[in-house]
Amino acid sequence: MGFAPMTTNGPNRILDEFAKLLTDAAGAAQGVRREAETAFRAQAERVLNSMDVVQREEFEAMRDMAAKARSENEKLAERIDALEARIAAMEAPGAAKPAAAARTKRPAKK
């Protein structure tokens, strides 16, 4: 003995059909939303490309390079300042010049 599928009649059938219709409409709306997002992204990408806007990855790479270069420049500036100070100390009046001092000192004769 088989069971016959239960059919709904009256208001329940109408509500079932309405729920099915709403479910289908929600699915269609999601599909339309995805298509609209895709179209918007493609258009935005075209606009940004035409404006020569830099991509985030490229910007971050250049920012890191600039920070490294700035750090190296600061270190080099410190070295230059130290060398200039040494040169100024050697050239100051009354300062013993190492090369001249070595030439003027003669070994004592015994």
PDB file of N, CA and C in Angstrom:
ATOM      1  N   MET A   1       0.821  -1.160   0.000  1.00  0.00           N
ATOM      2  CA  MET A   1       0.000   0.000   0.000  1.00  0.00           C
ATOM      3  C   MET A   1       0.882   1.246   0.000  1.00  0.00           C
ATOM      4  N   GLY A   2       0.755   2.075  -0.980  1.00  0.00           N
ATOM      5  CA  GLY A   2       1.535   3.288  -1.076  1.00  0.00           C
ATOM      6  C   GLY A   2       0.775   4.480  -0.535  1.00  0.00           C
ATOM      7  N   PHE A   3       1.510   5.419  -0.149  1.00  0.00           N
ATOM      8  CA  PHE A   3       0.895   6.644   0.343  1.00  0.00           C
ATOM      9  C   PHE A   3       0.840   7.664  -0.780  1.00  0.00           C
ATOM     10  N   ALA A   4      -0.252   8.287  -0.892  1.00  0.00           N
ATOM     11  CA  ALA A   4      -0.413   9.351  -1.881  1.00  0.00           C
ATOM     12  C   ALA A   4       0.142  10.643  -1.288  1.00  0.00           C
ATOM     13  N   PRO A   5       0.838  11.447  -2.087  1.00  0.00           N
ATOM     14  CA  PRO A   5       1.345  12.700  -1.542  1.00  0.00           C
ATOM     15  C   PRO A   5       0.213  13.564  -1.034  1.00  0.00           C
ATOM     16  N   MET A   6       0.492  14.187   0.065  1.00  0.00           N
ATOM     17  CA  MET A   6      -0.522  15.017   0.684  1.00  0.00           C
ATOM     18  C   MET A   6      -0.589  16.349  -0.056  1.00  0.00           C
ATOM     19  N   THR A   7      -1.717  16.711  -0.453  1.00  0.00           N
ATOM     20  CA  THR A   7      -1.888  17.975  -1.157  1.00  0.00           C
ATOM     21  C   THR A   7      -2.493  18.979  -0.210  1.00  0.00           C
ATOM     22  N   THR A   8      -2.078  20.195  -0.389  1.00  0.00           N
ATOM     23  CA  THR A   8      -2.631  21.244   0.450  1.00  0.00           C
ATOM     24  C   THR A   8      -3.693  21.966  -0.347  1.00  0.00           C
ATOM     25  N   ASN A   9      -4.706  22.311   0.330  1.00  0.00           N
ATOM     26  CA  ASN A   9      -5.819  23.007  -0.324  1.00  0.00           C
ATOM     27  C   ASN A   9      -6.092  24.310   0.402  1.00  0.00           C
ATOM     28  N   GLY A  10      -6.730  25.173  -0.265  1.00  0.00           N
ATOM     29  CA  GLY A  10      -7.218  26.391   0.339  1.00  0.00           C
ATOM     30  C   GLY A  10      -6.115  27.376   0.678  1.00  0.00           C
ATOM     31  N   PRO A  11      -6.256  28.050   1.837  1.00  0.00           N
ATOM     32  CA  PRO A  11      -5.330  29.124   2.210  1.00  0.00           C
ATOM     33  C   PRO A  11      -3.890  28.632   2.380  1.00  0.00           C
ATOM     34  N   ASN A  12      -3.683  27.400   2.853  1.00  0.00           N
ATOM     35  CA  ASN A  12      -2.329  26.895   3.029  1.00  0.00           C
ATOM     36  C   ASN A  12      -1.600  26.793   1.695  1.00  0.00           C
ATOM     37  N   ARG A  13      -2.292  26.359   0.680  1.00  0.00           N
ATOM     38  CA  ARG A  13      -1.675  26.251  -0.635  1.00  0.00           C
ATOM     39  C   ARG A  13      -1.274  27.630  -1.150  1.00  0.00           C
ATOM     40  N   ILE A  14      -2.107  28.621  -0.923  1.00  0.00           N
ATOM     41  CA  ILE A  14      -1.808  29.983  -1.369  1.00  0.00           C
ATOM     42  C   ILE A  14      -0.569  30.507  -0.635  1.00  0.00           C
ATOM     43  N   LEU A  15      -0.514  30.240   0.690  1.00  0.00           N
ATOM     44  CA  LEU A  15       0.640  30.693   1.470  1.00  0.00           C
ATOM     45  C   LEU A  15       1.915  29.973   1.016  1.00  0.00           C
ATOM     46  N   ASP A  16       1.825  28.690   0.721  1.00  0.00           N
ATOM     47  CA  ASP A  16       2.981  27.943   0.233  1.00  0.00           C
ATOM     48  C   ASP A  16       3.475  28.514  -1.097  1.00  0.00           C
ATOM     49  N   GLU A  17       2.566  28.797  -1.988  1.00  0.00           N
ATOM     50  CA  GLU A  17       2.934  29.369  -3.281  1.00  0.00           C
ATOM     51  C   GLU A  17       3.558  30.759  -3.110  1.00  0.00           C
ATOM     52  N   PHE A  18       3.000  31.537  -2.191  1.00  0.00           N
ATOM     53  CA  PHE A  18       3.523  32.872  -1.935  1.00  0.00           C
ATOM     54  C   PHE A  18       4.939  32.783  -1.339  1.00  0.00           C
ATOM     55  N   ALA A  19       5.151  31.852  -0.416  1.00  0.00           N
ATOM     56  CA  ALA A  19       6.480  31.672   0.183  1.00  0.00           C
ATOM     57  C   ALA A  19       7.482  31.246  -0.886  1.00  0.00           C
ATOM     58  N   LYS A  20       7.059  30.350  -1.774  1.00  0.00           N
ATOM     59  CA  LYS A  20       7.942  29.911  -2.862  1.00  0.00           C
ATOM     60  C   LYS A  20       8.278  31.088  -3.785  1.00  0.00           C
ATOM     61  N   LEU A  21       7.291  31.899  -4.071  1.00  0.00           N
ATOM     62  CA  LEU A  21       7.498  33.073  -4.919  1.00  0.00           C
ATOM     63  C   LEU A  21       8.492  34.046  -4.260  1.00  0.00           C
ATOM     64  N   LEU A  22       8.337  34.272  -2.948  1.00  0.00           N
ATOM     65  CA  LEU A  22       9.258  35.169  -2.242  1.00  0.00           C
ATOM     66  C   LEU A  22      10.674  34.600  -2.218  1.00  0.00           C
ATOM     67  N   THR A  23      10.800  33.293  -2.031  1.00  0.00           N
ATOM     68  CA  THR A  23      12.111  32.653  -2.029  1.00  0.00           C
ATOM     69  C   THR A  23      12.781  32.815  -3.390  1.00  0.00           C
ATOM     70  N   ASP A  24      12.034  32.577  -4.458  1.00  0.00           N
ATOM     71  CA  ASP A  24      12.578  32.758  -5.804  1.00  0.00           C
ATOM     72  C   ASP A  24      12.970  34.213  -6.057  1.00  0.00           C
ATOM     73  N   ALA A  25      12.152  35.144  -5.587  1.00  0.00           N
ATOM     74  CA  ALA A  25      12.438  36.566  -5.782  1.00  0.00           C
ATOM     75  C   ALA A  25      13.704  36.965  -5.013  1.00  0.00           C
ATOM     76  N   ALA A  26      13.867  36.422  -3.803  1.00  0.00           N
ATOM     77  CA  ALA A  26      15.060  36.745  -3.020  1.00  0.00           C
ATOM     78  C   ALA A  26      16.313  36.220  -3.726  1.00  0.00           C
ATOM     79  N   GLY A  27      16.239  35.020  -4.278  1.00  0.00           N
ATOM     80  CA  GLY A  27      17.375  34.465  -5.019  1.00  0.00           C
ATOM     81  C   GLY A  27      17.704  35.305  -6.238  1.00  0.00           C
ATOM     82  N   ALA A  28      16.668  35.729  -6.951  1.00  0.00           N
ATOM     83  CA  ALA A  28      16.885  36.570  -8.134  1.00  0.00           C
ATOM     84  C   ALA A  28      17.489  37.914  -7.730  1.00  0.00           C
ATOM     85  N   ALA A  29      17.032  38.470  -6.608  1.00  0.00           N
ATOM     86  CA  ALA A  29      17.560  39.759  -6.149  1.00  0.00           C
ATOM     87  C   ALA A  29      19.039  39.627  -5.784  1.00  0.00           C
ATOM     88  N   GLN A  30      19.421  38.523  -5.173  1.00  0.00           N
ATOM     89  CA  GLN A  30      20.831  38.315  -4.846  1.00  0.00           C
ATOM     90  C   GLN A  30      21.672  38.213  -6.117  1.00  0.00           C
ATOM     91  N   GLY A  31      21.152  37.536  -7.120  1.00  0.00           N
ATOM     92  CA  GLY A  31      21.866  37.430  -8.387  1.00  0.00           C
ATOM     93  C   GLY A  31      22.050  38.789  -9.042  1.00  0.00           C
ATOM     94  N   VAL A  32      21.005  39.592  -9.030  1.00  0.00           N
ATOM     95  CA  VAL A  32      21.076  40.942  -9.595  1.00  0.00           C
ATOM     96  C   VAL A  32      22.084  41.778  -8.807  1.00  0.00           C
ATOM     97  N   ARG A  33      22.076  41.628  -7.483  1.00  0.00           N
ATOM     98  CA  ARG A  33      23.021  42.368  -6.641  1.00  0.00           C
ATOM     99  C   ARG A  33      24.456  41.999  -6.980  1.00  0.00           C
ATOM    100  N   ARG A  34      24.725  40.702  -7.140  1.00  0.00           N
ATOM    101  CA  ARG A  34      26.087  40.271  -7.493  1.00  0.00           C
ATOM    102  C   ARG A  34      26.498  40.827  -8.853  1.00  0.00           C
ATOM    103  N   GLU A  35      25.610  40.800  -9.802  1.00  0.00           N
ATOM    104  CA  GLU A  35      25.921  41.343 -11.129  1.00  0.00           C
ATOM    105  C   GLU A  35      26.181  42.847 -11.064  1.00  0.00           C
ATOM    106  N   ALA A  36      25.387  43.554 -10.270  1.00  0.00           N
ATOM    107  CA  ALA A  36      25.573  45.003 -10.132  1.00  0.00           C
ATOM    108  C   ALA A  36      26.915  45.305  -9.471  1.00  0.00           C
ATOM    109  N   GLU A  37      27.263  44.538  -8.438  1.00  0.00           N
ATOM    110  CA  GLU A  37      28.562  44.742  -7.779  1.00  0.00           C
ATOM    111  C   GLU A  37      29.711  44.496  -8.744  1.00  0.00           C
ATOM    112  N   THR A  38      29.606  43.435  -9.528  1.00  0.00           N
ATOM    113  CA  THR A  38      30.655  43.117 -10.501  1.00  0.00           C
ATOM    114  C   THR A  38      30.790  44.227 -11.527  1.00  0.00           C
ATOM    115  N   ALA A  39      29.671  44.715 -12.022  1.00  0.00           N
ATOM    116  CA  ALA A  39      29.705  45.802 -13.008  1.00  0.00           C
ATOM    117  C   ALA A  39      30.280  47.073 -12.392  1.00  0.00           C
ATOM    118  N   PHE A  40      29.903  47.372 -11.154  1.00  0.00           N
ATOM    119  CA  PHE A  40      30.410  48.572 -10.485  1.00  0.00           C
ATOM    120  C   PHE A  40      31.916  48.470 -10.271  1.00  0.00           C
ATOM    121  N   ARG A  41      32.383  47.310  -9.812  1.00  0.00           N
ATOM    122  CA  ARG A  41      33.824  47.130  -9.592  1.00  0.00           C
ATOM    123  C   ARG A  41      34.604  47.281 -10.896  1.00  0.00           C
ATOM    124  N   ALA A  42      34.078  46.705 -11.976  1.00  0.00           N
ATOM    125  CA  ALA A  42      34.764  46.798 -13.264  1.00  0.00           C
ATOM    126  C   ALA A  42      34.833  48.256 -13.723  1.00  0.00           C
ATOM    127  N   GLN A  43      33.745  48.987 -13.563  1.00  0.00           N
ATOM    128  CA  GLN A  43      33.725  50.396 -13.968  1.00  0.00           C
ATOM    129  C   GLN A  43      34.669  51.218 -13.090  1.00  0.00           C
ATOM    130  N   ALA A  44      34.661  50.959 -11.789  1.00  0.00           N
ATOM    131  CA  ALA A  44      35.550  51.696 -10.877  1.00  0.00           C
ATOM    132  C   ALA A  44      37.009  51.405 -11.220  1.00  0.00           C
ATOM    133  N   GLU A  45      37.313  50.158 -11.544  1.00  0.00           N
ATOM    134  CA  GLU A  45      38.687  49.799 -11.917  1.00  0.00           C
ATOM    135  C   GLU A  45      39.114  50.520 -13.188  1.00  0.00           C
ATOM    136  N   ARG A  46      38.209  50.597 -14.165  1.00  0.00           N
ATOM    137  CA  ARG A  46      38.521  51.321 -15.408  1.00  0.00           C
ATOM    138  C   ARG A  46      38.798  52.795 -15.119  1.00  0.00           C
ATOM    139  N   VAL A  47      37.993  53.405 -14.268  1.00  0.00           N
ATOM    140  CA  VAL A  47      38.178  54.822 -13.935  1.00  0.00           C
ATOM    141  C   VAL A  47      39.518  55.023 -13.232  1.00  0.00           C
ATOM    142  N   LEU A  48      39.814  54.170 -12.253  1.00  0.00           N
ATOM    143  CA  LEU A  48      41.076  54.307 -11.519  1.00  0.00           C
ATOM    144  C   LEU A  48      42.278  54.075 -12.427  1.00  0.00           C
ATOM    145  N   ASN A  49      42.177  53.123 -13.331  1.00  0.00           N
ATOM    146  CA  ASN A  49      43.281  52.878 -14.264  1.00  0.00           C
ATOM    147  C   ASN A  49      43.498  54.064 -15.198  1.00  0.00           C
ATOM    148  N   SER A  50      42.428  54.707 -15.594  1.00  0.00           N
ATOM    149  CA  SER A  50      42.567  55.857 -16.495  1.00  0.00           C
ATOM    150  C   SER A  50      43.163  57.062 -15.764  1.00  0.00           C
ATOM    151  N   MET A  51      43.050  57.082 -14.431  1.00  0.00           N
ATOM    152  CA  MET A  51      43.586  58.188 -13.641  1.00  0.00           C
ATOM    153  C   MET A  51      45.016  57.909 -13.181  1.00  0.00           C
ATOM    154  N   ASP A  52      45.594  56.801 -13.570  1.00  0.00           N
ATOM    155  CA  ASP A  52      46.950  56.417 -13.166  1.00  0.00           C
ATOM    156  C   ASP A  52      47.104  56.391 -11.643  1.00  0.00           C
ATOM    157  N   VAL A  53      46.123  55.835 -10.955  1.00  0.00           N
ATOM    158  CA  VAL A  53      46.189  55.697  -9.505  1.00  0.00           C
ATOM    159  C   VAL A  53      47.072  54.498  -9.179  1.00  0.00           C
ATOM    160  N   VAL A  54      47.943  54.668  -8.203  1.00  0.00           N
ATOM    161  CA  VAL A  54      48.876  53.607  -7.825  1.00  0.00           C
ATOM    162  C   VAL A  54      48.154  52.560  -6.992  1.00  0.00           C
ATOM    163  N   GLN A  55      48.486  51.298  -7.236  1.00  0.00           N
ATOM    164  CA  GLN A  55      47.897  50.229  -6.438  1.00  0.00           C
ATOM    165  C   GLN A  55      48.526  50.225  -5.056  1.00  0.00           C
ATOM    166  N   ARG A  56      47.804  49.716  -4.087  1.00  0.00           N
ATOM    167  CA  ARG A  56      48.245  49.730  -2.691  1.00  0.00           C
ATOM    168  C   ARG A  56      49.581  49.013  -2.507  1.00  0.00           C
ATOM    169  N   GLU A  57      49.772  47.875  -3.160  1.00  0.00           N
ATOM    170  CA  GLU A  57      51.016  47.115  -3.022  1.00  0.00           C
ATOM    171  C   GLU A  57      52.213  47.941  -3.495  1.00  0.00           C
ATOM    172  N   GLU A  58      52.047  48.625  -4.619  1.00  0.00           N
ATOM    173  CA  GLU A  58      53.124  49.466  -5.151  1.00  0.00           C
ATOM    174  C   GLU A  58      53.416  50.631  -4.202  1.00  0.00           C
ATOM    175  N   PHE A  59      52.359  51.230  -3.653  1.00  0.00           N
ATOM    176  CA  PHE A  59      52.540  52.342  -2.731  1.00  0.00           C
ATOM    177  C   PHE A  59      53.293  51.892  -1.487  1.00  0.00           C
ATOM    178  N   GLU A  60      52.912  50.758  -0.924  1.00  0.00           N
ATOM    179  CA  GLU A  60      53.573  50.270   0.283  1.00  0.00           C
ATOM    180  C   GLU A  60      55.036  49.926   0.017  1.00  0.00           C
ATOM    181  N   ALA A  61      55.334  49.361  -1.149  1.00  0.00           N
ATOM    182  CA  ALA A  61      56.718  49.037  -1.493  1.00  0.00           C
ATOM    183  C   ALA A  61      57.549  50.316  -1.597  1.00  0.00           C
ATOM    184  N   MET A  62      57.019  51.341  -2.236  1.00  0.00           N
ATOM    185  CA  MET A  62      57.741  52.600  -2.368  1.00  0.00           C
ATOM    186  C   MET A  62      57.901  53.292  -1.009  1.00  0.00           C
ATOM    187  N   ARG A  63      56.880  53.198  -0.160  1.00  0.00           N
ATOM    188  CA  ARG A  63      56.964  53.793   1.174  1.00  0.00           C
ATOM    189  C   ARG A  63      58.089  53.133   1.978  1.00  0.00           C
ATOM    190  N   ASP A  64      58.183  51.797   1.889  1.00  0.00           N
ATOM    191  CA  ASP A  64      59.241  51.079   2.602  1.00  0.00           C
ATOM    192  C   ASP A  64      60.618  51.462   2.070  1.00  0.00           C
ATOM    193  N   MET A  65      60.732  51.594   0.748  1.00  0.00           N
ATOM    194  CA  MET A  65      62.013  51.997   0.156  1.00  0.00           C
ATOM    195  C   MET A  65      62.398  53.406   0.608  1.00  0.00           C
ATOM    196  N   ALA A  66      61.436  54.313   0.657  1.00  0.00           N
ATOM    197  CA  ALA A  66      61.715  55.687   1.079  1.00  0.00           C
ATOM    198  C   ALA A  66      62.148  55.722   2.544  1.00  0.00           C
ATOM    199  N   ALA A  67      61.520  54.929   3.391  1.00  0.00           N
ATOM    200  CA  ALA A  67      61.898  54.892   4.806  1.00  0.00           C
ATOM    201  C   ALA A  67      63.322  54.367   4.962  1.00  0.00           C
ATOM    202  N   LYS A  68      63.660  53.339   4.192  1.00  0.00           N
ATOM    203  CA  LYS A  68      65.011  52.780   4.262  1.00  0.00           C
ATOM    204  C   LYS A  68      66.038  53.818   3.775  1.00  0.00           C
ATOM    205  N   ALA A  69      65.730  54.501   2.677  1.00  0.00           N
ATOM    206  CA  ALA A  69      66.638  55.515   2.149  1.00  0.00           C
ATOM    207  C   ALA A  69      66.813  56.660   3.146  1.00  0.00           C
ATOM    208  N   ARG A  70      65.736  57.057   3.804  1.00  0.00           N
ATOM    209  CA  ARG A  70      65.810  58.134   4.799  1.00  0.00           C
ATOM    210  C   ARG A  70      66.716  57.712   5.959  1.00  0.00           C
ATOM    211  N   SER A  71      66.576  56.486   6.404  1.00  0.00           N
ATOM    212  CA  SER A  71      67.410  55.980   7.493  1.00  0.00           C
ATOM    213  C   SER A  71      68.882  55.958   7.094  1.00  0.00           C
ATOM    214  N   GLU A  72      69.162  55.493   5.891  1.00  0.00           N
ATOM    215  CA  GLU A  72      70.543  55.470   5.409  1.00  0.00           C
ATOM    216  C   GLU A  72      71.114  56.876   5.269  1.00  0.00           C
ATOM    217  N   ASN A  73      70.303  57.820   4.802  1.00  0.00           N
ATOM    218  CA  ASN A  73      70.754  59.213   4.676  1.00  0.00           C
ATOM    219  C   ASN A  73      71.103  59.801   6.041  1.00  0.00           C
ATOM    220  N   GLU A  74      70.302  59.487   7.054  1.00  0.00           N
ATOM    221  CA  GLU A  74      70.589  59.988   8.398  1.00  0.00           C
ATOM    222  C   GLU A  74      71.914  59.430   8.920  1.00  0.00           C
ATOM    223  N   LYS A  75      72.157  58.138   8.693  1.00  0.00           N
ATOM    224  CA  LYS A  75      73.417  57.528   9.128  1.00  0.00           C
ATOM    225  C   LYS A  75      74.608  58.167   8.403  1.00  0.00           C
ATOM    226  N   LEU A  76      74.463  58.383   7.105  1.00  0.00           N
ATOM    227  CA  LEU A  76      75.545  59.011   6.335  1.00  0.00           C
ATOM    228  C   LEU A  76      75.782  60.449   6.797  1.00  0.00           C
ATOM    229  N   ALA A  77      74.728  61.179   7.106  1.00  0.00           N
ATOM    230  CA  ALA A  77      74.876  62.558   7.591  1.00  0.00           C
ATOM    231  C   ALA A  77      75.639  62.568   8.913  1.00  0.00           C
ATOM    232  N   GLU A  78      75.352  61.606   9.784  1.00  0.00           N
ATOM    233  CA  GLU A  78      76.081  61.514  11.054  1.00  0.00           C
ATOM    234  C   GLU A  78      77.566  61.226  10.815  1.00  0.00           C
ATOM    235  N   ARG A  79      77.861  60.329   9.885  1.00  0.00           N
ATOM    236  CA  ARG A  79      79.264  60.027   9.568  1.00  0.00           C
ATOM    237  C   ARG A  79      79.978  61.252   9.002  1.00  0.00           C
ATOM    238  N   ILE A  80      79.311  61.976   8.116  1.00  0.00           N
ATOM    239  CA  ILE A  80      79.909  63.185   7.529  1.00  0.00           C
ATOM    240  C   ILE A  80      80.185  64.204   8.629  1.00  0.00           C
ATOM    241  N   ASP A  81      79.228  64.399   9.534  1.00  0.00           N
ATOM    242  CA  ASP A  81      79.426  65.348  10.632  1.00  0.00           C
ATOM    243  C   ASP A  81      80.628  64.948  11.487  1.00  0.00           C
ATOM    244  N   ALA A  82      80.769  63.657  11.780  1.00  0.00           N
ATOM    245  CA  ALA A  82      81.892  63.190  12.591  1.00  0.00           C
ATOM    246  C   ALA A  82      83.220  63.409  11.863  1.00  0.00           C
ATOM    247  N   LEU A  83      83.237  63.112  10.569  1.00  0.00           N
ATOM    248  CA  LEU A  83      84.473  63.324   9.795  1.00  0.00           C
ATOM    249  C   LEU A  83      84.826  64.799   9.704  1.00  0.00           C
ATOM    250  N   GLU A  84      83.847  65.658   9.491  1.00  0.00           N
ATOM    251  CA  GLU A  84      84.099  67.094   9.427  1.00  0.00           C
ATOM    252  C   GLU A  84      84.623  67.608  10.766  1.00  0.00           C
ATOM    253  N   ALA A  85      84.091  67.070  11.851  1.00  0.00           N
ATOM    254  CA  ALA A  85      84.565  67.487  13.174  1.00  0.00           C
ATOM    255  C   ALA A  85      86.019  67.073  13.374  1.00  0.00           C
ATOM    256  N   ARG A  86      86.375  65.875  12.922  1.00  0.00           N
ATOM    257  CA  ARG A  86      87.769  65.424  13.026  1.00  0.00           C
ATOM    258  C   ARG A  86      88.695  66.302  12.191  1.00  0.00           C
ATOM    259  N   ILE A  87      88.262  66.636  10.981  1.00  0.00           N
ATOM    260  CA  ILE A  87      89.074  67.498  10.108  1.00  0.00           C
ATOM    261  C   ILE A  87      89.235  68.875  10.743  1.00  0.00           C
ATOM    262  N   ALA A  88      88.158  69.419  11.287  1.00  0.00           N
ATOM    263  CA  ALA A  88      88.221  70.738  11.911  1.00  0.00           C
ATOM    264  C   ALA A  88      89.155  70.713  13.118  1.00  0.00           C
ATOM    265  N   ALA A  89      89.136  69.632  13.862  1.00  0.00           N
ATOM    266  CA  ALA A  89      90.019  69.524  15.022  1.00  0.00           C
ATOM    267  C   ALA A  89      91.470  69.459  14.580  1.00  0.00           C
ATOM    268  N   MET A  90      91.750  68.810  13.483  1.00  0.00           N
ATOM    269  CA  MET A  90      93.120  68.703  12.968  1.00  0.00           C
ATOM    270  C   MET A  90      93.619  70.039  12.426  1.00  0.00           C
ATOM    271  N   GLU A  91      92.736  70.837  11.884  1.00  0.00           N
ATOM    272  CA  GLU A  91      93.117  72.099  11.270  1.00  0.00           C
ATOM    273  C   GLU A  91      93.120  73.260  12.255  1.00  0.00           C
ATOM    274  N   ALA A  92      92.619  73.027  13.449  1.00  0.00           N
ATOM    275  CA  ALA A  92      92.548  74.104  14.439  1.00  0.00           C
ATOM    276  C   ALA A  92      93.960  74.551  14.820  1.00  0.00           C
ATOM    277  N   PRO A  93      94.163  75.875  15.032  1.00  0.00           N
ATOM    278  CA  PRO A  93      95.489  76.366  15.418  1.00  0.00           C
ATOM    279  C   PRO A  93      95.893  75.758  16.757  1.00  0.00           C
ATOM    280  N   GLY A  94      97.146  75.357  16.824  1.00  0.00           N
ATOM    281  CA  GLY A  94      97.672  74.785  18.050  1.00  0.00           C
ATOM    282  C   GLY A  94      97.401  73.307  18.202  1.00  0.00           C
ATOM    283  N   ALA A  95      96.626  72.770  17.306  1.00  0.00           N
ATOM    284  CA  ALA A  95      96.363  71.333  17.383  1.00  0.00           C
ATOM    285  C   ALA A  95      97.521  70.606  16.751  1.00  0.00           C
ATOM    286  N   ALA A  96      97.927  69.553  17.372  1.00  0.00           N
ATOM    287  CA  ALA A  96      99.057  68.776  16.838  1.00  0.00           C
ATOM    288  C   ALA A  96      98.577  67.985  15.652  1.00  0.00           C
ATOM    289  N   LYS A  97      99.288  68.148  14.566  1.00  0.00           N
ATOM    290  CA  LYS A  97      98.938  67.387  13.377  1.00  0.00           C
ATOM    291  C   LYS A  97      99.724  66.088  13.418  1.00  0.00           C
ATOM    292  N   PRO A  98      99.062  64.974  13.290  1.00  0.00           N
ATOM    293  CA  PRO A  98      99.760  63.705  13.426  1.00  0.00           C
ATOM    294  C   PRO A  98     100.913  63.549  12.463  1.00  0.00           C
ATOM    295  N   ALA A  99     100.751  63.908  11.206  1.00  0.00           N
ATOM    296  CA  ALA A  99     101.825  63.726  10.227  1.00  0.00           C
ATOM    297  C   ALA A  99     102.963  64.699  10.514  1.00  0.00           C
ATOM    298  N   ALA A 100     102.644  65.925  10.832  1.00  0.00           N
ATOM    299  CA  ALA A 100     103.669  66.923  11.119  1.00  0.00           C
ATOM    300  C   ALA A 100     104.381  66.586  12.417  1.00  0.00           C
ATOM    301  N   ALA A 101     103.652  66.112  13.391  1.00  0.00           N
ATOM    302  CA  ALA A 101     104.255  65.752  14.672  1.00  0.00           C
ATOM    303  C   ALA A 101     105.221  64.604  14.496  1.00  0.00           C
ATOM    304  N   ALA A 102     104.905  63.682  13.662  1.00  0.00           N
ATOM    305  CA  ALA A 102     105.790  62.533  13.431  1.00  0.00           C
ATOM    306  C   ALA A 102     107.062  62.992  12.728  1.00  0.00           C
ATOM    307  N   ARG A 103     106.965  63.998  11.832  1.00  0.00           N
ATOM    308  CA  ARG A 103     108.148  64.486  11.114  1.00  0.00           C
ATOM    309  C   ARG A 103     109.052  65.313  12.024  1.00  0.00           C
ATOM    310  N   THR A 104     108.472  66.062  12.929  1.00  0.00           N
ATOM    311  CA  THR A 104     109.293  66.938  13.763  1.00  0.00           C
ATOM    312  C   THR A 104     109.967  66.185  14.904  1.00  0.00           C
ATOM    313  N   LYS A 105     109.404  65.124  15.332  1.00  0.00           N
ATOM    314  CA  LYS A 105     110.036  64.367  16.401  1.00  0.00           C
ATOM    315  C   LYS A 105     111.180  63.544  15.822  1.00  0.00           C
ATOM    316  N   ARG A 106     112.329  63.788  16.381  1.00  0.00           N
ATOM    317  CA  ARG A 106     113.491  63.011  15.947  1.00  0.00           C
ATOM    318  C   ARG A 106     113.941  62.142  17.109  1.00  0.00           C
ATOM    319  N   PRO A 107     114.369  60.988  16.745  1.00  0.00           N
ATOM    320  CA  PRO A 107     114.811  60.126  17.850  1.00  0.00           C
ATOM    321  C   PRO A 107     116.014  60.745  18.545  1.00  0.00           C
ATOM    322  N   ALA A 108     116.049  60.606  19.817  1.00  0.00           N
ATOM    323  CA  ALA A 108     117.182  61.147  20.618  1.00  0.00           C
ATOM    324  C   ALA A 108     118.409  60.347  20.348  1.00  0.00           C
ATOM    325  N   LYS A 109     119.519  61.075  20.165  1.00  0.00           N
ATOM    326  CA  LYS A 109     120.781  60.394  19.882  1.00  0.00           C
ATOM    327  C   LYS A 109     121.416  59.954  21.198  1.00  0.00           C
ATOM    328  N   LYS A 110     121.990  58.835  21.174  1.00  0.00           N
ATOM    329  CA  LYS A 110     122.646  58.339  22.370  1.00  0.00           C
ATOM    330  C   LYS A 110     124.103  58.334  22.231  1.00  0.00           C
TER     331      LYS A 110
END
